[in-house]
Amino acid sequence: MLALAAKAAIMLGSFLLAGSVLMLFLVRPGTDEFVITIINLMMGGALVGAGIVGARCNTRLTSYKEDL
């Protein structure tokens, strides 16, 4: 279950990151849209980071169970 959640977090975070990076070049700094784009960029990065941590924990738990 953790692997599925980690994969979903990485996919959703990648979607947010890609959209935010593209929007950075289209909006003017100092506008409300720019602030929302930066917030989306941070949320996407946090989701990708959490997904990577979850995937790493899942592989460690799986390999630990196999060693027993």
PDB file of N, CA and C in Angstrom:
ATOM      1  N   MET A   1       0.822  -1.198   0.000  1.00  0.00           N
ATOM      2  CA  MET A   1       0.000   0.000   0.000  1.00  0.00           C
ATOM      3  C   MET A   1       0.861   1.256   0.000  1.00  0.00           C
ATOM      4  N   LEU A   2       1.980   1.200   0.727  1.00  0.00           N
ATOM      5  CA  LEU A   2       2.870   2.353   0.776  1.00  0.00           C
ATOM      6  C   LEU A   2       3.495   2.618  -0.586  1.00  0.00           C
ATOM      7  N   ALA A   3       3.788   1.562  -1.334  1.00  0.00           N
ATOM      8  CA  ALA A   3       4.380   1.731  -2.660  1.00  0.00           C
ATOM      9  C   ALA A   3       3.407   2.430  -3.599  1.00  0.00           C
ATOM     10  N   LEU A   4       2.143   2.088  -3.513  1.00  0.00           N
ATOM     11  CA  LEU A   4       1.136   2.717  -4.360  1.00  0.00           C
ATOM     12  C   LEU A   4       0.970   4.195  -4.012  1.00  0.00           C
ATOM     13  N   ALA A   5       0.953   4.514  -2.732  1.00  0.00           N
ATOM     14  CA  ALA A   5       0.839   5.910  -2.304  1.00  0.00           C
ATOM     15  C   ALA A   5       2.076   6.707  -2.701  1.00  0.00           C
ATOM     16  N   ALA A   6       3.244   6.094  -2.603  1.00  0.00           N
ATOM     17  CA  ALA A   6       4.477   6.775  -2.990  1.00  0.00           C
ATOM     18  C   ALA A   6       4.488   7.052  -4.486  1.00  0.00           C
ATOM     19  N   LYS A   7       4.050   6.078  -5.271  1.00  0.00           N
ATOM     20  CA  LYS A   7       4.001   6.268  -6.724  1.00  0.00           C
ATOM     21  C   LYS A   7       3.010   7.371  -7.094  1.00  0.00           C
ATOM     22  N   ALA A   8       1.863   7.388  -6.431  1.00  0.00           N
ATOM     23  CA  ALA A   8       0.862   8.422  -6.691  1.00  0.00           C
ATOM     24  C   ALA A   8       1.391   9.802  -6.314  1.00  0.00           C
ATOM     25  N   ALA A   9       2.103   9.901  -5.199  1.00  0.00           N
ATOM     26  CA  ALA A   9       2.661  11.185  -4.775  1.00  0.00           C
ATOM     27  C   ALA A   9       3.711  11.675  -5.764  1.00  0.00           C
ATOM     28  N   ILE A  10       4.546  10.771  -6.255  1.00  0.00           N
ATOM     29  CA  ILE A  10       5.567  11.165  -7.222  1.00  0.00           C
ATOM     30  C   ILE A  10       4.920  11.612  -8.528  1.00  0.00           C
ATOM     31  N   MET A  11       3.896  10.900  -8.982  1.00  0.00           N
ATOM     32  CA  MET A  11       3.236  11.268 -10.236  1.00  0.00           C
ATOM     33  C   MET A  11       2.508  12.607 -10.114  1.00  0.00           C
ATOM     34  N   LEU A  12       1.772  12.806  -9.030  1.00  0.00           N
ATOM     35  CA  LEU A  12       1.048  14.061  -8.837  1.00  0.00           C
ATOM     36  C   LEU A  12       2.017  15.222  -8.642  1.00  0.00           C
ATOM     37  N   GLY A  13       3.075  14.989  -7.880  1.00  0.00           N
ATOM     38  CA  GLY A  13       4.076  16.031  -7.676  1.00  0.00           C
ATOM     39  C   GLY A  13       4.787  16.405  -8.961  1.00  0.00           C
ATOM     40  N   SER A  14       5.070  15.418  -9.810  1.00  0.00           N
ATOM     41  CA  SER A  14       5.706  15.697 -11.096  1.00  0.00           C
ATOM     42  C   SER A  14       4.789  16.524 -11.986  1.00  0.00           C
ATOM     43  N   PHE A  15       3.499  16.221 -11.952  1.00  0.00           N
ATOM     44  CA  PHE A  15       2.527  16.994 -12.719  1.00  0.00           C
ATOM     45  C   PHE A  15       2.502  18.448 -12.255  1.00  0.00           C
ATOM     46  N   LEU A  16       2.487  18.651 -10.941  1.00  0.00           N
ATOM     47  CA  LEU A  16       2.492  20.012 -10.404  1.00  0.00           C
ATOM     48  C   LEU A  16       3.792  20.740 -10.737  1.00  0.00           C
ATOM     49  N   LEU A  17       4.914  20.036 -10.634  1.00  0.00           N
ATOM     50  CA  LEU A  17       6.203  20.658 -10.944  1.00  0.00           C
ATOM     51  C   LEU A  17       6.285  21.074 -12.405  1.00  0.00           C
ATOM     52  N   ALA A  18       5.881  20.190 -13.305  1.00  0.00           N
ATOM     53  CA  ALA A  18       5.965  20.497 -14.735  1.00  0.00           C
ATOM     54  C   ALA A  18       5.078  21.690 -15.087  1.00  0.00           C
ATOM     55  N   GLY A  19       3.861  21.693 -14.581  1.00  0.00           N
ATOM     56  CA  GLY A  19       2.961  22.810 -14.859  1.00  0.00           C
ATOM     57  C   GLY A  19       3.456  24.119 -14.276  1.00  0.00           C
ATOM     58  N   SER A  20       4.022  24.067 -13.091  1.00  0.00           N
ATOM     59  CA  SER A  20       4.511  25.281 -12.439  1.00  0.00           C
ATOM     60  C   SER A  20       5.730  25.850 -13.148  1.00  0.00           C
ATOM     61  N   VAL A  21       6.625  24.969 -13.576  1.00  0.00           N
ATOM     62  CA  VAL A  21       7.818  25.449 -14.282  1.00  0.00           C
ATOM     63  C   VAL A  21       7.419  26.102 -15.601  1.00  0.00           C
ATOM     64  N   LEU A  22       6.463  25.518 -16.309  1.00  0.00           N
ATOM     65  CA  LEU A  22       6.001  26.130 -17.557  1.00  0.00           C
ATOM     66  C   LEU A  22       5.325  27.477 -17.296  1.00  0.00           C
ATOM     67  N   MET A  23       4.553  27.565 -16.229  1.00  0.00           N
ATOM     68  CA  MET A  23       3.853  28.812 -15.926  1.00  0.00           C
ATOM     69  C   MET A  23       4.791  29.918 -15.455  1.00  0.00           C
ATOM     70  N   LEU A  24       5.948  29.555 -14.904  1.00  0.00           N
ATOM     71  CA  LEU A  24       6.888  30.580 -14.445  1.00  0.00           C
ATOM     72  C   LEU A  24       7.314  31.506 -15.579  1.00  0.00           C
ATOM     73  N   PHE A  25       7.381  30.971 -16.789  1.00  0.00           N
ATOM     74  CA  PHE A  25       7.807  31.776 -17.926  1.00  0.00           C
ATOM     75  C   PHE A  25       6.670  32.587 -18.535  1.00  0.00           C
ATOM     76  N   LEU A  26       5.440  32.329 -18.130  1.00  0.00           N
ATOM     77  CA  LEU A  26       4.288  33.002 -18.721  1.00  0.00           C
ATOM     78  C   LEU A  26       3.681  34.089 -17.839  1.00  0.00           C
ATOM     79  N   VAL A  27       3.924  34.052 -16.546  1.00  0.00           N
ATOM     80  CA  VAL A  27       3.325  35.045 -15.653  1.00  0.00           C
ATOM     81  C   VAL A  27       4.369  36.080 -15.242  1.00  0.00           C
ATOM     82  N   ARG A  28       3.886  37.274 -14.963  1.00  0.00           N
ATOM     83  CA  ARG A  28       4.780  38.357 -14.550  1.00  0.00           C
ATOM     84  C   ARG A  28       5.043  38.284 -13.055  1.00  0.00           C
ATOM     85  N   PRO A  29       6.305  38.465 -12.651  1.00  0.00           N
ATOM     86  CA  PRO A  29       6.618  38.485 -11.215  1.00  0.00           C
ATOM     87  C   PRO A  29       5.881  39.628 -10.514  1.00  0.00           C
ATOM     88  N   GLY A  30       5.460  39.370  -9.306  1.00  0.00           N
ATOM     89  CA  GLY A  30       4.763  40.379  -8.524  1.00  0.00           C
ATOM     90  C   GLY A  30       3.255  40.291  -8.622  1.00  0.00           C
ATOM     91  N   THR A  31       2.743  39.412  -9.479  1.00  0.00           N
ATOM     92  CA  THR A  31       1.296  39.271  -9.604  1.00  0.00           C
ATOM     93  C   THR A  31       0.807  38.127  -8.719  1.00  0.00           C
ATOM     94  N   ASP A  32      -0.504  38.068  -8.551  1.00  0.00           N
ATOM     95  CA  ASP A  32      -1.093  36.987  -7.756  1.00  0.00           C
ATOM     96  C   ASP A  32      -0.840  35.624  -8.397  1.00  0.00           C
ATOM     97  N   GLU A  33      -0.883  35.581  -9.722  1.00  0.00           N
ATOM     98  CA  GLU A  33      -0.643  34.316 -10.423  1.00  0.00           C
ATOM     99  C   GLU A  33       0.768  33.803 -10.177  1.00  0.00           C
ATOM    100  N   PHE A  34       1.725  34.713 -10.065  1.00  0.00           N
ATOM    101  CA  PHE A  34       3.110  34.313  -9.810  1.00  0.00           C
ATOM    102  C   PHE A  34       3.238  33.677  -8.425  1.00  0.00           C
ATOM    103  N   VAL A  35       2.555  34.256  -7.445  1.00  0.00           N
ATOM    104  CA  VAL A  35       2.594  33.710  -6.085  1.00  0.00           C
ATOM    105  C   VAL A  35       1.979  32.313  -6.059  1.00  0.00           C
ATOM    106  N   ILE A  36       0.854  32.136  -6.738  1.00  0.00           N
ATOM    107  CA  ILE A  36       0.210  30.825  -6.795  1.00  0.00           C
ATOM    108  C   ILE A  36       1.101  29.820  -7.504  1.00  0.00           C
ATOM    109  N   THR A  37       1.797  30.257  -8.553  1.00  0.00           N
ATOM    110  CA  THR A  37       2.712  29.371  -9.270  1.00  0.00           C
ATOM    111  C   THR A  37       3.856  28.926  -8.368  1.00  0.00           C
ATOM    112  N   ILE A  38       4.402  29.834  -7.583  1.00  0.00           N
ATOM    113  CA  ILE A  38       5.488  29.484  -6.660  1.00  0.00           C
ATOM    114  C   ILE A  38       4.990  28.510  -5.591  1.00  0.00           C
ATOM    115  N   ILE A  39       3.776  28.737  -5.084  1.00  0.00           N
ATOM    116  CA  ILE A  39       3.207  27.824  -4.085  1.00  0.00           C
ATOM    117  C   ILE A  39       3.009  26.436  -4.689  1.00  0.00           C
ATOM    118  N   ASN A  40       2.503  26.367  -5.932  1.00  0.00           N
ATOM    119  CA  ASN A  40       2.352  25.076  -6.604  1.00  0.00           C
ATOM    120  C   ASN A  40       3.695  24.401  -6.819  1.00  0.00           C
ATOM    121  N   LEU A  41       4.710  25.181  -7.133  1.00  0.00           N
ATOM    122  CA  LEU A  41       6.052  24.630  -7.322  1.00  0.00           C
ATOM    123  C   LEU A  41       6.557  24.001  -6.026  1.00  0.00           C
ATOM    124  N   MET A  42       6.346  24.682  -4.911  1.00  0.00           N
ATOM    125  CA  MET A  42       6.774  24.134  -3.617  1.00  0.00           C
ATOM    126  C   MET A  42       5.958  22.899  -3.233  1.00  0.00           C
ATOM    127  N   MET A  43       4.656  22.922  -3.496  1.00  0.00           N
ATOM    128  CA  MET A  43       3.828  21.759  -3.183  1.00  0.00           C
ATOM    129  C   MET A  43       4.234  20.555  -4.025  1.00  0.00           C
ATOM    130  N   GLY A  44       4.527  20.791  -5.305  1.00  0.00           N
ATOM    131  CA  GLY A  44       4.971  19.697  -6.159  1.00  0.00           C
ATOM    132  C   GLY A  44       6.292  19.116  -5.689  1.00  0.00           C
ATOM    133  N   GLY A  45       7.216  19.986  -5.304  1.00  0.00           N
ATOM    134  CA  GLY A  45       8.496  19.510  -4.781  1.00  0.00           C
ATOM    135  C   GLY A  45       8.335  18.728  -3.493  1.00  0.00           C
ATOM    136  N   ALA A  46       7.430  19.190  -2.634  1.00  0.00           N
ATOM    137  CA  ALA A  46       7.187  18.476  -1.377  1.00  0.00           C
ATOM    138  C   ALA A  46       6.561  17.106  -1.632  1.00  0.00           C
ATOM    139  N   LEU A  47       5.640  17.034  -2.588  1.00  0.00           N
ATOM    140  CA  LEU A  47       5.020  15.745  -2.907  1.00  0.00           C
ATOM    141  C   LEU A  47       6.027  14.768  -3.501  1.00  0.00           C
ATOM    142  N   VAL A  48       6.871  15.257  -4.400  1.00  0.00           N
ATOM    143  CA  VAL A  48       7.890  14.380  -4.982  1.00  0.00           C
ATOM    144  C   VAL A  48       8.851  13.915  -3.891  1.00  0.00           C
ATOM    145  N   GLY A  49       9.259  14.828  -3.026  1.00  0.00           N
ATOM    146  CA  GLY A  49      10.153  14.456  -1.930  1.00  0.00           C
ATOM    147  C   GLY A  49       9.524  13.437  -0.996  1.00  0.00           C
ATOM    148  N   ALA A  50       8.261  13.642  -0.651  1.00  0.00           N
ATOM    149  CA  ALA A  50       7.570  12.688   0.225  1.00  0.00           C
ATOM    150  C   ALA A  50       7.398  11.338  -0.462  1.00  0.00           C
ATOM    151  N   GLY A  51       7.139  11.360  -1.760  1.00  0.00           N
ATOM    152  CA  GLY A  51       7.006  10.107  -2.496  1.00  0.00           C
ATOM    153  C   GLY A  51       8.307   9.336  -2.558  1.00  0.00           C
ATOM    154  N   ILE A  52       9.406  10.046  -2.735  1.00  0.00           N
ATOM    155  CA  ILE A  52      10.716   9.387  -2.772  1.00  0.00           C
ATOM    156  C   ILE A  52      11.044   8.784  -1.408  1.00  0.00           C
ATOM    157  N   VAL A  53      10.778   9.539  -0.352  1.00  0.00           N
ATOM    158  CA  VAL A  53      11.024   9.015   1.001  1.00  0.00           C
ATOM    159  C   VAL A  53      10.144   7.789   1.257  1.00  0.00           C
ATOM    160  N   GLY A  54       8.881   7.853   0.857  1.00  0.00           N
ATOM    161  CA  GLY A  54       7.986   6.711   1.036  1.00  0.00           C
ATOM    162  C   GLY A  54       8.432   5.491   0.250  1.00  0.00           C
ATOM    163  N   ALA A  55       8.905   5.711  -0.967  1.00  0.00           N
ATOM    164  CA  ALA A  55       9.381   4.589  -1.775  1.00  0.00           C
ATOM    165  C   ALA A  55      10.632   3.972  -1.165  1.00  0.00           C
ATOM    166  N   ARG A  56      11.518   4.819  -0.656  1.00  0.00           N
ATOM    167  CA  ARG A  56      12.738   4.293  -0.024  1.00  0.00           C
ATOM    168  C   ARG A  56      12.409   3.509   1.248  1.00  0.00           C
ATOM    169  N   CYS A  57      11.485   4.012   2.039  1.00  0.00           N
ATOM    170  CA  CYS A  57      11.080   3.289   3.255  1.00  0.00           C
ATOM    171  C   CYS A  57      10.432   1.958   2.899  1.00  0.00           C
ATOM    172  N   ASN A  58       9.649   1.944   1.830  1.00  0.00           N
ATOM    173  CA  ASN A  58       8.988   0.707   1.417  1.00  0.00           C
ATOM    174  C   ASN A  58      10.009  -0.333   0.968  1.00  0.00           C
ATOM    175  N   THR A  59      11.031   0.073   0.229  1.00  0.00           N
ATOM    176  CA  THR A  59      12.027  -0.902  -0.217  1.00  0.00           C
ATOM    177  C   THR A  59      12.848  -1.408   0.966  1.00  0.00           C
ATOM    178  N   ARG A  60      13.118  -0.551   1.924  1.00  0.00           N
ATOM    179  CA  ARG A  60      13.859  -0.991   3.110  1.00  0.00           C
ATOM    180  C   ARG A  60      13.032  -1.958   3.944  1.00  0.00           C
ATOM    181  N   LEU A  61      11.735  -1.681   4.091  1.00  0.00           N
ATOM    182  CA  LEU A  61      10.870  -2.589   4.849  1.00  0.00           C
ATOM    183  C   LEU A  61      10.744  -3.931   4.143  1.00  0.00           C
ATOM    184  N   THR A  62      10.631  -3.899   2.826  1.00  0.00           N
ATOM    185  CA  THR A  62      10.492  -5.133   2.062  1.00  0.00           C
ATOM    186  C   THR A  62      11.757  -5.971   2.153  1.00  0.00           C
ATOM    187  N   SER A  63      12.923  -5.333   1.999  1.00  0.00           N
ATOM    188  CA  SER A  63      14.167  -6.097   2.053  1.00  0.00           C
ATOM    189  C   SER A  63      14.435  -6.606   3.474  1.00  0.00           C
ATOM    190  N   TYR A  64      14.003  -5.868   4.491  1.00  0.00           N
ATOM    191  CA  TYR A  64      14.183  -6.318   5.872  1.00  0.00           C
ATOM    192  C   TYR A  64      13.323  -7.551   6.143  1.00  0.00           C
ATOM    193  N   LYS A  65      12.100  -7.554   5.635  1.00  0.00           N
ATOM    194  CA  LYS A  65      11.213  -8.698   5.837  1.00  0.00           C
ATOM    195  C   LYS A  65      11.741  -9.938   5.117  1.00  0.00           C
ATOM    196  N   GLU A  66      12.376  -9.753   3.969  1.00  0.00           N
ATOM    197  CA  GLU A  66      12.911 -10.889   3.226  1.00  0.00           C
ATOM    198  C   GLU A  66      14.120 -11.488   3.924  1.00  0.00           C
ATOM    199  N   ASP A  67      14.873 -10.664   4.657  1.00  0.00           N
ATOM    200  CA  ASP A  67      16.052 -11.164   5.356  1.00  0.00           C
ATOM    201  C   ASP A  67      15.685 -12.041   6.550  1.00  0.00           C
ATOM    202  N   LEU A  68      14.506 -11.829   7.105  1.00  0.00           N
ATOM    203  CA  LEU A  68      14.095 -12.613   8.279  1.00  0.00           C
ATOM    204  C   LEU A  68      13.688 -13.965   7.865  1.00  0.00           C
TER     205      LEU A  68
END
